[in-house]
N, C-alpha and C. Protein backbone atom coordinates (compact mmCIF):
# COMPACT_ATOMS: atom_id res chain seq x y z
N UNK A 1 0.82 -1.20 0.00
CA UNK A 1 0.00 0.00 0.00
C UNK A 1 0.86 1.26 0.00
N UNK A 2 1.99 1.19 0.69
CA UNK A 2 2.89 2.34 0.74
C UNK A 2 3.34 2.75 -0.66
N UNK A 3 3.74 1.76 -1.45
CA UNK A 3 4.23 2.04 -2.80
C UNK A 3 3.12 2.60 -3.69
N UNK A 4 1.94 2.03 -3.58
CA UNK A 4 0.82 2.43 -4.43
C UNK A 4 0.30 3.82 -4.08
N UNK A 5 0.12 4.09 -2.78
CA UNK A 5 -0.50 5.34 -2.35
C UNK A 5 0.47 6.38 -1.78
N UNK A 6 1.76 6.04 -1.67
CA UNK A 6 2.77 6.97 -1.17
C UNK A 6 2.37 7.56 0.18
N UNK A 7 2.09 6.66 1.12
CA UNK A 7 1.57 7.08 2.42
C UNK A 7 2.57 7.91 3.21
N UNK A 8 3.83 7.50 3.25
CA UNK A 8 4.84 8.24 4.02
C UNK A 8 5.01 9.65 3.47
N UNK A 9 4.99 9.75 2.15
CA UNK A 9 5.12 11.06 1.50
C UNK A 9 3.99 12.00 1.93
N UNK A 10 2.84 11.43 2.20
CA UNK A 10 1.68 12.23 2.59
C UNK A 10 1.51 12.31 4.11
N UNK A 11 2.45 11.74 4.84
CA UNK A 11 2.40 11.79 6.29
C UNK A 11 1.34 10.88 6.90
N UNK A 12 1.10 9.74 6.29
CA UNK A 12 0.08 8.80 6.78
C UNK A 12 0.70 7.42 6.92
N UNK A 13 -0.09 6.49 7.51
CA UNK A 13 0.34 5.10 7.58
C UNK A 13 -0.89 4.22 7.34
N UNK A 14 -0.67 2.93 7.17
CA UNK A 14 -1.74 2.01 6.82
C UNK A 14 -2.84 2.01 7.87
N UNK A 15 -2.46 1.97 9.15
CA UNK A 15 -3.45 1.93 10.23
C UNK A 15 -4.34 3.18 10.19
N UNK A 16 -3.74 4.35 10.06
CA UNK A 16 -4.50 5.59 10.00
C UNK A 16 -5.47 5.60 8.83
N UNK A 17 -5.01 5.14 7.68
CA UNK A 17 -5.86 5.11 6.49
C UNK A 17 -7.02 4.13 6.64
N UNK A 18 -6.78 2.99 7.28
CA UNK A 18 -7.86 2.02 7.50
C UNK A 18 -8.89 2.58 8.46
N UNK A 19 -8.44 3.20 9.55
CA UNK A 19 -9.36 3.82 10.50
C UNK A 19 -10.15 4.94 9.82
N UNK A 20 -9.47 5.75 9.02
CA UNK A 20 -10.15 6.83 8.30
C UNK A 20 -11.18 6.27 7.32
N UNK A 21 -10.83 5.19 6.64
CA UNK A 21 -11.77 4.57 5.70
C UNK A 21 -13.00 4.02 6.38
N UNK A 22 -12.81 3.33 7.50
CA UNK A 22 -13.95 2.78 8.25
C UNK A 22 -14.82 3.91 8.79
N UNK A 23 -14.18 4.96 9.32
CA UNK A 23 -14.92 6.11 9.84
C UNK A 23 -15.74 6.78 8.73
N UNK A 24 -15.12 6.96 7.58
CA UNK A 24 -15.83 7.57 6.45
C UNK A 24 -17.00 6.71 6.01
N UNK A 25 -16.79 5.40 5.94
CA UNK A 25 -17.88 4.50 5.56
C UNK A 25 -19.04 4.61 6.55
N UNK A 26 -18.73 4.58 7.84
CA UNK A 26 -19.78 4.67 8.85
C UNK A 26 -20.51 6.01 8.79
N UNK A 27 -19.78 7.08 8.46
CA UNK A 27 -20.40 8.40 8.34
C UNK A 27 -21.31 8.49 7.12
N UNK A 28 -21.00 7.70 6.08
CA UNK A 28 -21.77 7.77 4.83
C UNK A 28 -22.80 6.65 4.68
N UNK A 29 -22.79 5.67 5.55
CA UNK A 29 -23.63 4.48 5.38
C UNK A 29 -25.12 4.80 5.36
N UNK A 30 -25.52 5.90 6.00
CA UNK A 30 -26.94 6.27 6.01
C UNK A 30 -27.49 6.45 4.59
N UNK A 31 -26.62 6.83 3.66
CA UNK A 31 -27.04 7.06 2.27
C UNK A 31 -27.63 5.78 1.67
N UNK A 32 -27.12 4.62 2.10
CA UNK A 32 -27.62 3.35 1.58
C UNK A 32 -29.09 3.13 1.91
N UNK A 33 -29.58 3.72 2.98
CA UNK A 33 -31.00 3.59 3.33
C UNK A 33 -31.82 4.79 2.89
N UNK A 34 -31.26 5.99 3.06
CA UNK A 34 -32.01 7.21 2.77
C UNK A 34 -32.23 7.41 1.27
N UNK A 35 -31.19 7.19 0.47
CA UNK A 35 -31.32 7.40 -0.97
C UNK A 35 -32.42 6.53 -1.59
N UNK A 36 -32.45 5.22 -1.34
CA UNK A 36 -33.56 4.41 -1.87
C UNK A 36 -34.91 4.82 -1.28
N UNK A 37 -34.91 5.26 -0.02
CA UNK A 37 -36.16 5.72 0.59
C UNK A 37 -36.73 6.93 -0.13
N UNK A 38 -35.86 7.88 -0.45
CA UNK A 38 -36.30 9.08 -1.17
C UNK A 38 -36.78 8.73 -2.58
N UNK A 39 -35.97 7.97 -3.31
CA UNK A 39 -36.29 7.69 -4.71
C UNK A 39 -37.44 6.70 -4.86
N UNK A 40 -37.68 5.86 -3.86
CA UNK A 40 -38.82 4.94 -3.96
C UNK A 40 -40.14 5.71 -3.84
N UNK A 41 -40.13 6.87 -3.19
CA UNK A 41 -41.31 7.72 -3.12
C UNK A 41 -41.71 8.17 -4.53
N UNK A 42 -40.71 8.29 -5.40
CA UNK A 42 -40.94 8.71 -6.78
C UNK A 42 -41.37 7.54 -7.67
N UNK A 43 -41.42 6.32 -7.11
CA UNK A 43 -41.85 5.17 -7.88
C UNK A 43 -40.75 4.21 -8.28
N UNK A 44 -39.52 4.50 -7.89
CA UNK A 44 -38.41 3.62 -8.24
C UNK A 44 -38.36 2.45 -7.26
N UNK A 45 -37.86 1.31 -7.72
CA UNK A 45 -37.76 0.11 -6.89
C UNK A 45 -36.69 0.30 -5.82
N UNK A 46 -37.07 0.11 -4.54
CA UNK A 46 -36.16 0.33 -3.40
C UNK A 46 -34.90 -0.52 -3.53
N UNK A 47 -35.06 -1.82 -3.83
CA UNK A 47 -33.92 -2.72 -3.92
C UNK A 47 -32.98 -2.35 -5.05
N UNK A 48 -33.54 -1.96 -6.19
CA UNK A 48 -32.70 -1.57 -7.32
C UNK A 48 -31.92 -0.29 -7.01
N UNK A 49 -32.58 0.67 -6.36
CA UNK A 49 -31.90 1.91 -6.00
C UNK A 49 -30.83 1.65 -4.95
N UNK A 50 -31.11 0.77 -3.99
CA UNK A 50 -30.11 0.40 -2.99
C UNK A 50 -28.86 -0.16 -3.66
N UNK A 51 -29.08 -1.10 -4.60
CA UNK A 51 -27.96 -1.72 -5.31
C UNK A 51 -27.19 -0.68 -6.13
N UNK A 52 -27.91 0.16 -6.84
CA UNK A 52 -27.27 1.19 -7.66
C UNK A 52 -26.49 2.18 -6.79
N UNK A 53 -27.04 2.52 -5.64
CA UNK A 53 -26.36 3.44 -4.73
C UNK A 53 -25.05 2.82 -4.23
N UNK A 54 -25.13 1.56 -3.80
CA UNK A 54 -23.93 0.88 -3.28
C UNK A 54 -22.87 0.72 -4.37
N UNK A 55 -23.29 0.28 -5.55
CA UNK A 55 -22.33 0.07 -6.64
C UNK A 55 -21.71 1.37 -7.12
N UNK A 56 -22.54 2.40 -7.30
CA UNK A 56 -22.00 3.68 -7.79
C UNK A 56 -21.04 4.29 -6.78
N UNK A 57 -21.36 4.19 -5.49
CA UNK A 57 -20.45 4.72 -4.46
C UNK A 57 -19.14 3.94 -4.44
N UNK A 58 -19.23 2.62 -4.52
CA UNK A 58 -18.02 1.79 -4.51
C UNK A 58 -17.14 2.07 -5.73
N UNK A 59 -17.75 2.10 -6.90
CA UNK A 59 -16.98 2.32 -8.13
C UNK A 59 -16.35 3.71 -8.14
N UNK A 60 -17.14 4.74 -7.79
CA UNK A 60 -16.62 6.11 -7.79
C UNK A 60 -15.48 6.27 -6.78
N UNK A 61 -15.62 5.66 -5.61
CA UNK A 61 -14.57 5.74 -4.59
C UNK A 61 -13.30 5.02 -5.05
N UNK A 62 -13.46 3.85 -5.67
CA UNK A 62 -12.29 3.11 -6.18
C UNK A 62 -11.59 3.87 -7.30
N UNK A 63 -12.36 4.50 -8.18
CA UNK A 63 -11.76 5.31 -9.25
C UNK A 63 -10.99 6.47 -8.64
N UNK A 64 -11.59 7.12 -7.63
CA UNK A 64 -10.92 8.23 -6.97
C UNK A 64 -9.62 7.76 -6.31
N UNK A 65 -9.64 6.56 -5.74
CA UNK A 65 -8.45 6.03 -5.07
C UNK A 65 -7.36 5.62 -6.05
N UNK A 66 -7.73 4.86 -7.07
CA UNK A 66 -6.71 4.26 -7.93
C UNK A 66 -6.36 5.09 -9.16
N UNK A 67 -7.25 5.95 -9.61
CA UNK A 67 -6.94 6.79 -10.77
C UNK A 67 -6.41 8.15 -10.32
N UNK A 68 -7.15 8.79 -9.41
CA UNK A 68 -6.74 10.12 -8.94
C UNK A 68 -5.77 10.04 -7.77
N UNK A 69 -5.67 8.87 -7.12
CA UNK A 69 -4.80 8.65 -5.97
C UNK A 69 -5.13 9.63 -4.85
N UNK A 70 -6.43 9.80 -4.61
CA UNK A 70 -6.90 10.68 -3.54
C UNK A 70 -7.81 9.90 -2.59
N UNK A 71 -7.74 10.21 -1.30
CA UNK A 71 -8.54 9.47 -0.32
C UNK A 71 -9.94 10.05 -0.11
N UNK A 72 -10.71 10.13 -1.18
CA UNK A 72 -12.06 10.67 -1.10
C UNK A 72 -13.08 9.58 -1.35
N UNK A 73 -14.10 9.53 -0.51
CA UNK A 73 -15.22 8.62 -0.73
C UNK A 73 -16.32 9.42 -1.43
N UNK A 74 -16.92 8.81 -2.43
CA UNK A 74 -17.97 9.49 -3.19
C UNK A 74 -19.25 8.67 -3.13
N UNK A 75 -20.38 9.36 -3.17
CA UNK A 75 -21.69 8.70 -3.15
C UNK A 75 -22.69 9.63 -3.84
N UNK A 76 -23.87 9.11 -4.19
CA UNK A 76 -24.88 9.95 -4.82
C UNK A 76 -25.25 11.15 -3.95
N UNK A 77 -25.52 12.28 -4.60
CA UNK A 77 -25.92 13.49 -3.88
C UNK A 77 -27.37 13.42 -3.44
N UNK A 78 -27.61 13.65 -2.18
CA UNK A 78 -28.95 13.52 -1.64
C UNK A 78 -29.84 14.70 -2.02
N UNK A 79 -29.29 15.89 -2.14
CA UNK A 79 -30.10 17.07 -2.46
C UNK A 79 -30.77 16.97 -3.81
N UNK A 80 -30.02 16.58 -4.82
CA UNK A 80 -30.58 16.44 -6.16
C UNK A 80 -31.60 15.31 -6.22
N UNK A 81 -31.35 14.23 -5.47
CA UNK A 81 -32.31 13.12 -5.44
C UNK A 81 -33.62 13.54 -4.79
N UNK A 82 -33.54 14.31 -3.72
CA UNK A 82 -34.75 14.81 -3.06
C UNK A 82 -35.50 15.76 -4.00
N UNK A 83 -34.76 16.62 -4.68
CA UNK A 83 -35.38 17.53 -5.65
C UNK A 83 -36.07 16.73 -6.76
N UNK A 84 -35.39 15.71 -7.26
CA UNK A 84 -35.95 14.85 -8.31
C UNK A 84 -37.25 14.21 -7.84
N UNK A 85 -37.24 13.60 -6.66
CA UNK A 85 -38.41 12.86 -6.17
C UNK A 85 -39.56 13.78 -5.80
N UNK A 86 -39.28 14.78 -4.96
CA UNK A 86 -40.36 15.56 -4.39
C UNK A 86 -40.82 16.72 -5.27
N UNK A 87 -39.91 17.33 -6.02
CA UNK A 87 -40.29 18.47 -6.85
C UNK A 87 -40.68 18.04 -8.26
N UNK A 88 -39.78 17.32 -8.93
CA UNK A 88 -40.02 16.99 -10.33
C UNK A 88 -41.10 15.92 -10.48
N UNK A 89 -40.99 14.83 -9.72
CA UNK A 89 -41.94 13.72 -9.87
C UNK A 89 -43.26 14.01 -9.16
N UNK A 90 -43.20 14.25 -7.86
CA UNK A 90 -44.44 14.45 -7.11
C UNK A 90 -45.03 15.84 -7.37
N UNK A 91 -44.21 16.89 -7.26
CA UNK A 91 -44.71 18.25 -7.41
C UNK A 91 -45.12 18.62 -8.82
N UNK A 92 -44.29 18.26 -9.80
CA UNK A 92 -44.55 18.65 -11.19
C UNK A 92 -45.30 17.56 -11.97
N UNK A 93 -45.38 16.37 -11.39
CA UNK A 93 -46.15 15.30 -12.02
C UNK A 93 -45.45 14.53 -13.13
N UNK A 94 -44.14 14.66 -13.24
CA UNK A 94 -43.41 13.91 -14.26
C UNK A 94 -43.09 12.51 -13.76
N UNK A 95 -42.77 11.61 -14.67
CA UNK A 95 -42.36 10.25 -14.28
C UNK A 95 -40.91 10.29 -13.81
N UNK A 96 -40.52 9.25 -13.05
CA UNK A 96 -39.12 9.21 -12.60
C UNK A 96 -38.20 8.97 -13.79
N UNK A 97 -38.69 8.31 -14.84
CA UNK A 97 -37.86 8.10 -16.03
C UNK A 97 -37.55 9.44 -16.70
N UNK A 98 -38.55 10.30 -16.75
CA UNK A 98 -38.39 11.64 -17.32
C UNK A 98 -37.35 12.42 -16.51
N UNK A 99 -37.47 12.35 -15.17
CA UNK A 99 -36.55 13.07 -14.29
C UNK A 99 -35.12 12.56 -14.45
N UNK A 100 -34.95 11.24 -14.56
CA UNK A 100 -33.60 10.68 -14.74
C UNK A 100 -33.02 11.07 -16.09
N UNK A 101 -33.86 11.24 -17.09
CA UNK A 101 -33.39 11.71 -18.40
C UNK A 101 -32.80 13.11 -18.25
N UNK A 102 -33.48 13.96 -17.49
CA UNK A 102 -32.96 15.32 -17.26
C UNK A 102 -31.62 15.26 -16.52
N UNK A 103 -31.48 14.38 -15.55
CA UNK A 103 -30.22 14.22 -14.82
C UNK A 103 -29.12 13.75 -15.77
N UNK A 104 -29.46 12.81 -16.65
CA UNK A 104 -28.48 12.30 -17.62
C UNK A 104 -28.00 13.42 -18.55
N UNK A 105 -28.93 14.21 -19.07
CA UNK A 105 -28.57 15.31 -19.97
C UNK A 105 -27.73 16.34 -19.21
N UNK A 106 -28.10 16.61 -17.96
CA UNK A 106 -27.33 17.53 -17.14
C UNK A 106 -25.90 17.02 -16.97
N UNK A 107 -25.75 15.73 -16.75
CA UNK A 107 -24.42 15.13 -16.61
C UNK A 107 -23.59 15.32 -17.87
N UNK A 108 -24.21 15.12 -19.03
CA UNK A 108 -23.51 15.32 -20.31
C UNK A 108 -23.05 16.77 -20.43
N UNK A 109 -23.93 17.71 -20.07
CA UNK A 109 -23.57 19.13 -20.15
C UNK A 109 -22.39 19.43 -19.23
N UNK A 110 -22.39 18.88 -18.01
CA UNK A 110 -21.29 19.14 -17.09
C UNK A 110 -20.00 18.49 -17.56
N UNK A 111 -20.08 17.35 -18.22
CA UNK A 111 -18.87 16.74 -18.79
C UNK A 111 -18.30 17.64 -19.88
N UNK A 112 -19.17 18.17 -20.74
CA UNK A 112 -18.72 19.08 -21.80
C UNK A 112 -18.10 20.34 -21.19
N UNK A 113 -18.76 20.91 -20.16
CA UNK A 113 -18.21 22.09 -19.50
C UNK A 113 -16.84 21.80 -18.89
N UNK A 114 -16.67 20.59 -18.38
CA UNK A 114 -15.39 20.20 -17.79
C UNK A 114 -14.32 20.00 -18.86
N UNK A 115 -14.66 19.34 -19.95
CA UNK A 115 -13.70 19.08 -21.03
C UNK A 115 -13.14 20.39 -21.57
N UNK A 116 -14.01 21.39 -21.72
CA UNK A 116 -13.57 22.67 -22.28
C UNK A 116 -13.14 23.68 -21.21
N UNK A 117 -12.93 23.18 -19.97
CA UNK A 117 -12.45 24.00 -18.84
C UNK A 117 -13.35 25.18 -18.51
N UNK A 118 -14.61 25.10 -18.87
CA UNK A 118 -15.54 26.19 -18.56
C UNK A 118 -15.85 26.20 -17.06
N UNK A 119 -16.02 25.01 -16.48
CA UNK A 119 -16.29 24.95 -15.03
C UNK A 119 -15.12 25.54 -14.25
N UNK A 120 -13.90 25.21 -14.66
CA UNK A 120 -12.72 25.74 -13.99
C UNK A 120 -12.66 27.26 -14.13
N UNK A 121 -12.99 27.78 -15.31
CA UNK A 121 -12.99 29.23 -15.52
C UNK A 121 -14.03 29.90 -14.63
N UNK A 122 -15.19 29.27 -14.47
CA UNK A 122 -16.23 29.83 -13.59
C UNK A 122 -15.72 29.87 -12.15
N UNK A 123 -15.13 28.77 -11.69
CA UNK A 123 -14.61 28.70 -10.32
C UNK A 123 -13.49 29.72 -10.13
N UNK A 124 -12.59 29.83 -11.09
CA UNK A 124 -11.46 30.76 -10.97
C UNK A 124 -11.91 32.22 -11.03
N UNK A 125 -13.08 32.50 -11.57
CA UNK A 125 -13.57 33.87 -11.64
C UNK A 125 -14.12 34.35 -10.30
N UNK A 126 -14.31 33.43 -9.37
CA UNK A 126 -14.82 33.78 -8.03
C UNK A 126 -13.63 34.13 -7.15
N UNK A 127 -13.67 35.27 -6.44
CA UNK A 127 -12.56 35.63 -5.54
C UNK A 127 -12.30 34.51 -4.51
N UNK A 128 -11.03 34.32 -4.17
CA UNK A 128 -10.61 33.19 -3.32
C UNK A 128 -11.35 33.15 -1.99
N UNK A 129 -11.56 34.31 -1.34
CA UNK A 129 -12.23 34.28 -0.04
C UNK A 129 -13.69 33.85 -0.17
N UNK A 130 -14.36 34.23 -1.24
CA UNK A 130 -15.74 33.78 -1.46
C UNK A 130 -15.78 32.32 -1.88
N UNK A 131 -14.78 31.91 -2.66
CA UNK A 131 -14.73 30.54 -3.16
C UNK A 131 -14.70 29.54 -2.01
N UNK A 132 -13.90 29.84 -0.99
CA UNK A 132 -13.79 28.92 0.14
C UNK A 132 -15.11 28.80 0.89
N UNK A 133 -15.83 29.90 1.02
CA UNK A 133 -17.05 29.91 1.82
C UNK A 133 -18.28 29.44 1.06
N UNK A 134 -18.29 29.60 -0.24
CA UNK A 134 -19.55 29.39 -0.96
C UNK A 134 -19.49 28.43 -2.14
N UNK A 135 -18.39 27.72 -2.32
CA UNK A 135 -18.26 26.88 -3.50
C UNK A 135 -19.31 25.78 -3.54
N UNK A 136 -19.50 25.06 -2.44
CA UNK A 136 -20.47 23.95 -2.47
C UNK A 136 -21.88 24.47 -2.69
N UNK A 137 -22.21 25.62 -2.12
CA UNK A 137 -23.54 26.20 -2.33
C UNK A 137 -23.71 26.60 -3.79
N UNK A 138 -22.71 27.25 -4.37
CA UNK A 138 -22.83 27.71 -5.75
C UNK A 138 -22.90 26.55 -6.73
N UNK A 139 -22.13 25.48 -6.47
CA UNK A 139 -22.19 24.31 -7.35
C UNK A 139 -23.57 23.67 -7.25
N UNK A 140 -24.11 23.59 -6.04
CA UNK A 140 -25.45 23.02 -5.86
C UNK A 140 -26.50 23.87 -6.57
N UNK A 141 -26.38 25.19 -6.45
CA UNK A 141 -27.33 26.07 -7.14
C UNK A 141 -27.20 25.95 -8.65
N UNK A 142 -25.96 25.82 -9.14
CA UNK A 142 -25.74 25.65 -10.57
C UNK A 142 -26.38 24.35 -11.05
N UNK A 143 -26.17 23.27 -10.28
CA UNK A 143 -26.79 21.99 -10.63
C UNK A 143 -28.31 22.12 -10.65
N UNK A 144 -28.87 22.74 -9.62
CA UNK A 144 -30.33 22.88 -9.56
C UNK A 144 -30.87 23.74 -10.69
N UNK A 145 -30.17 24.83 -11.03
CA UNK A 145 -30.66 25.69 -12.09
C UNK A 145 -30.58 24.99 -13.44
N UNK A 146 -29.49 24.27 -13.69
CA UNK A 146 -29.39 23.51 -14.95
C UNK A 146 -30.45 22.42 -14.98
N UNK A 147 -30.64 21.75 -13.84
CA UNK A 147 -31.64 20.68 -13.76
C UNK A 147 -33.03 21.23 -14.01
N UNK A 148 -33.37 22.38 -13.41
CA UNK A 148 -34.69 22.97 -13.59
C UNK A 148 -34.88 23.38 -15.06
N UNK A 149 -33.83 23.95 -15.66
CA UNK A 149 -33.91 24.37 -17.05
C UNK A 149 -34.12 23.14 -17.96
N UNK A 150 -33.39 22.07 -17.68
CA UNK A 150 -33.54 20.85 -18.48
C UNK A 150 -34.91 20.22 -18.28
N UNK A 151 -35.39 20.23 -17.05
CA UNK A 151 -36.71 19.67 -16.77
C UNK A 151 -37.77 20.43 -17.55
N UNK A 152 -37.68 21.75 -17.55
CA UNK A 152 -38.63 22.56 -18.30
C UNK A 152 -38.51 22.29 -19.79
N UNK A 153 -37.28 22.20 -20.30
CA UNK A 153 -37.07 21.93 -21.73
C UNK A 153 -37.62 20.57 -22.12
N UNK A 154 -37.38 19.56 -21.28
CA UNK A 154 -37.90 18.23 -21.57
C UNK A 154 -39.42 18.20 -21.49
N UNK A 155 -40.00 18.98 -20.58
CA UNK A 155 -41.46 19.04 -20.48
C UNK A 155 -42.05 19.66 -21.75
N UNK A 156 -41.40 20.71 -22.23
CA UNK A 156 -41.86 21.35 -23.47
C UNK A 156 -41.73 20.37 -24.64
N UNK A 157 -40.59 19.66 -24.70
CA UNK A 157 -40.38 18.67 -25.76
C UNK A 157 -41.42 17.56 -25.67
N UNK A 158 -41.69 17.08 -24.45
CA UNK A 158 -42.68 16.02 -24.26
C UNK A 158 -44.06 16.50 -24.71
N UNK A 159 -44.42 17.75 -24.35
CA UNK A 159 -45.71 18.32 -24.76
C UNK A 159 -45.79 18.42 -26.27
N UNK A 160 -44.69 18.87 -26.89
CA UNK A 160 -44.64 18.99 -28.35
C UNK A 160 -44.81 17.62 -29.02
N UNK A 161 -44.12 16.60 -28.48
CA UNK A 161 -44.25 15.25 -29.04
C UNK A 161 -45.66 14.72 -28.86
N UNK A 162 -46.27 15.00 -27.70
CA UNK A 162 -47.65 14.57 -27.48
C UNK A 162 -48.59 15.20 -28.48
N UNK A 163 -48.38 16.49 -28.79
CA UNK A 163 -49.22 17.17 -29.79
C UNK A 163 -49.01 16.56 -31.18
N UNK A 164 -47.75 16.23 -31.51
CA UNK A 164 -47.48 15.63 -32.81
C UNK A 164 -48.12 14.25 -32.91
N UNK A 165 -48.07 13.48 -31.83
CA UNK A 165 -48.72 12.16 -31.83
C UNK A 165 -50.23 12.31 -31.98
N UNK A 166 -50.80 13.29 -31.28
CA UNK A 166 -52.24 13.54 -31.40
C UNK A 166 -52.60 13.93 -32.83
N UNK A 167 -51.78 14.79 -33.47
CA UNK A 167 -52.03 15.17 -34.86
C UNK A 167 -51.97 13.95 -35.78
N UNK A 168 -50.99 13.06 -35.57
CA UNK A 168 -50.89 11.85 -36.38
C UNK A 168 -52.10 10.95 -36.17
N UNK A 169 -52.58 10.84 -34.94
CA UNK A 169 -53.76 10.01 -34.67
C UNK A 169 -54.99 10.58 -35.37
N UNK A 170 -55.14 11.91 -35.35
CA UNK A 170 -56.27 12.54 -36.04
C UNK A 170 -56.16 12.31 -37.54
N UNK A 171 -54.96 12.48 -38.08
CA UNK A 171 -54.77 12.27 -39.52
C UNK A 171 -55.05 10.82 -39.91
N UNK A 172 -54.59 9.87 -39.10
CA UNK A 172 -54.86 8.46 -39.38
C UNK A 172 -56.34 8.15 -39.28
N UNK A 173 -57.02 8.76 -38.32
CA UNK A 173 -58.46 8.55 -38.19
C UNK A 173 -59.20 9.10 -39.40
N UNK A 174 -58.80 10.30 -39.83
CA UNK A 174 -59.44 10.89 -41.02
C UNK A 174 -59.15 10.05 -42.26
N UNK A 175 -57.95 9.55 -42.39
CA UNK A 175 -57.59 8.70 -43.52
C UNK A 175 -58.40 7.40 -43.49
N UNK A 176 -58.53 6.81 -42.32
CA UNK A 176 -59.33 5.59 -42.20
C UNK A 176 -60.78 5.85 -42.56
N UNK A 177 -61.30 6.97 -42.08
CA UNK A 177 -62.68 7.33 -42.39
C UNK A 177 -62.84 7.56 -43.89
N UNK A 178 -61.88 8.22 -44.52
CA UNK A 178 -61.96 8.48 -45.96
C UNK A 178 -61.89 7.18 -46.75
N UNK A 179 -61.11 6.22 -46.27
CA UNK A 179 -61.02 4.93 -46.97
C UNK A 179 -62.30 4.12 -46.79
N UNK A 180 -62.99 4.30 -45.69
CA UNK A 180 -64.22 3.55 -45.42
C UNK A 180 -65.43 4.14 -46.13
N UNK A 181 -65.46 5.45 -46.33
CA UNK A 181 -66.62 6.14 -46.91
C UNK A 181 -67.00 5.62 -48.31
N UNK A 182 -66.07 5.40 -49.23
CA UNK A 182 -66.48 4.94 -50.57
C UNK A 182 -67.19 3.59 -50.53
N UNK A 183 -66.96 2.78 -49.52
CA UNK A 183 -67.60 1.49 -49.49
C UNK A 183 -69.07 1.55 -49.07
N UNK A 184 -69.56 2.68 -48.57
CA UNK A 184 -70.97 2.82 -48.17
C UNK A 184 -71.78 3.10 -49.36
């Protein structure tokens, strides 16, 4: 472990890292129950969400450890999940599939912003003293605003598609009626 993680260079040892890992796990373990509880209110299967939460946290933490070589544990964000379940699904009446589509599109947008260093430019434009105090709040607000914008855009798209389907149904009905009329 010393060779892989350079513990001495960072002023740590195996025992300290194991204790820190167990402590972090115990501090985060509530997410395994709360996240499926929140998302099951939106209609998602509790067991499937539990499994997805555990797997995504494990994979993200392992990637952070072995690729970035940083001792950070990662797990799904509870704020966005609560917003998805209670505001988008229950409050706005959308399906959980619709809400997850918005989250997926938001993720793609954030990947693009990251690839082109736009997120870094936004963060660097904030004065250092404000950045330390408000970064997590601003990132959360940015996520929520992008999510709300995407939700609205997808709702408009869904409404537009519903109107197009209705127009096609009317046209097919009229065509069927026109084909039936000569036989009378």
